[in-house]
Amino acid sequence: MCHSLSSCRLMMALSVFVLGTAPTAFAQDPLHSWNEGSAKAAILDFVDKTTAEDSDDFVAVEDRIAVFDNDGTLWPENPLPFQLIFAIDELKRLAPKHPEWKQDKLLAAALSGDVATLKEDVMGSLKQLLIATHSGITTDQFNQRVEDWMATAKHPRFDRHYTDLVYQPMLEVLVYLRANGYRTFIVSGGGADFMRVWADQTYGIPSEQTIGSIGEVKFEIRDGVPVLIKQAAISFIDDKEGKPVAIHRQVGRRPVVAFGNSDGDKAMLEWTTMARSPSLGVIVHHTDAEREYAYDKSPQSSGKLIEALADAPKRGWVVVDMAKDWNQVFPDENAPSAGAAARMDLAGTNWLVEDIAGRGVIDRAQTTIEFSEDGTVSGNTAVNRYSGKVSIKGDSIDFGPLITTRRAGPPAVMDQEQKFLAAMERVKRVRVDENGLLHFGGEDGEAVIRASKIQ
């Protein structure tokens, strides 16, 4: 079940590529919330040329890495970054038990609503508030606090839940890239622990692909249970020059695509585009005061954009004019709030295997894959039946142990069966391409299995 409009909207978009059940206009235009123009064309053209095998700019699946800033790129960052608003609300909720906080200048400012003081150093304010409110609690307790806040808190201007204020055009970009074999990562100055609670459901980006600032934790056994305890220290700030460092540490590959919106993303854009070709760098320029906010040199809080905007022409970075390039900013308020699957919905679909590890398959020895509504997978290898559990989150997929019958068959068919079952053990990624073909990939994105849908 979806927990927000944005997660439902994202999963409905995913179903376009999987089941082909969306309106024709969307199926024909994967970026339907983008107006026709140079920005939209640049994104579409780049994906086309990097995924066409006969193109000089073809990029192997394992190298298709796309990184996205979060605040100001995937959702707003005004009037304050949303995590800072969360920290302020937590401070006020816990304040009755901590009278000493009134003696601290910054904490007292947060409690009294003195936002101007917090804006003097947004990152420093966030750091101090998080340390005050969350030091000593377990990571599970922190996750629950974030979930509770996200379920109730609303934006002061738009009066909508924060995860309902993701940018619809950017959701479409995420879906479009993943449908074409790209792995999408968040690379944000915000806290990784904060984002990992909701990023999978909101963006389809799993926790292991959500990179952010990191607070220190300590392992303990509490009441016989192993836990991680949040400490009063920040070990890494994922901003500015720290972003390429974080990408290197967690991804281990230089990205091909980078989206940002501020000078804090400049180093990430440079890391992505200046040392490899082809590459795509995109800056979201906030120019729409009516539907969102308009700022660059003088943002309300974070998001200053001066140097990166000036460098864009010589670097070849695409600058998105929010007012001109987007015909819609946020998902429709009347979008379904329940009923869409909170994962890539393959339930009830059947597939015929066409290729195993790039070696094709034996004609007339059909291997099938069937996804059931109860979270199981089954099929036929042309000799034996198999079945097991399957878990799908975003573009990540995991098959549990597969149980098979034990009939014997021709040596060539039995060899193919062994290769298929071994391949299924390696599968970690899933996507459906623009032609409706199902692709399973390994941990590093290598092609493992390709299948076509059985109507």
Foldseek 3Di string as FASTA:
>chain_A
DALFLLLLLLLVLLCCLAPVPDDPVCLVPLQVQWDDDDQSVVLVVLLVQCLDPPHPQHDALLQQEEEEAPDPFFFHQPPHHVLLVLLLVLLLVCVVVPVVLCVDPLSVCSNVVVVVVCQVDVLVSSLQSCLVRAAFDFLVVVLVSLVVCQSDDADPPPRGRRLQRTFPSVLSSLSQSVQSSHQYAYQYQDELSNCQSCCLSNRVHHSLRYHYWAFDWDWDQDPNRITIGGHSGTDGGRWALNVVVRCCVRVVHAHQEYEEAANRCQNNQCSNQVPDPPHAAEHEAACDVPQGRHDACDRSHDRHHDVSVVCCVVSVYHYHYCVNTGNGTGPDPPRDNDDRDSFNDQAAWKWWWQDFLNPGADPPQIWMWHHHPVQKIWTDLSFKIKIFGKDGTRFFIATDDIDIDDGDDPPRSVVVVVSLNVLNNQFTGWHRHSVRKIFTAGPSSRTGIIIHTDD
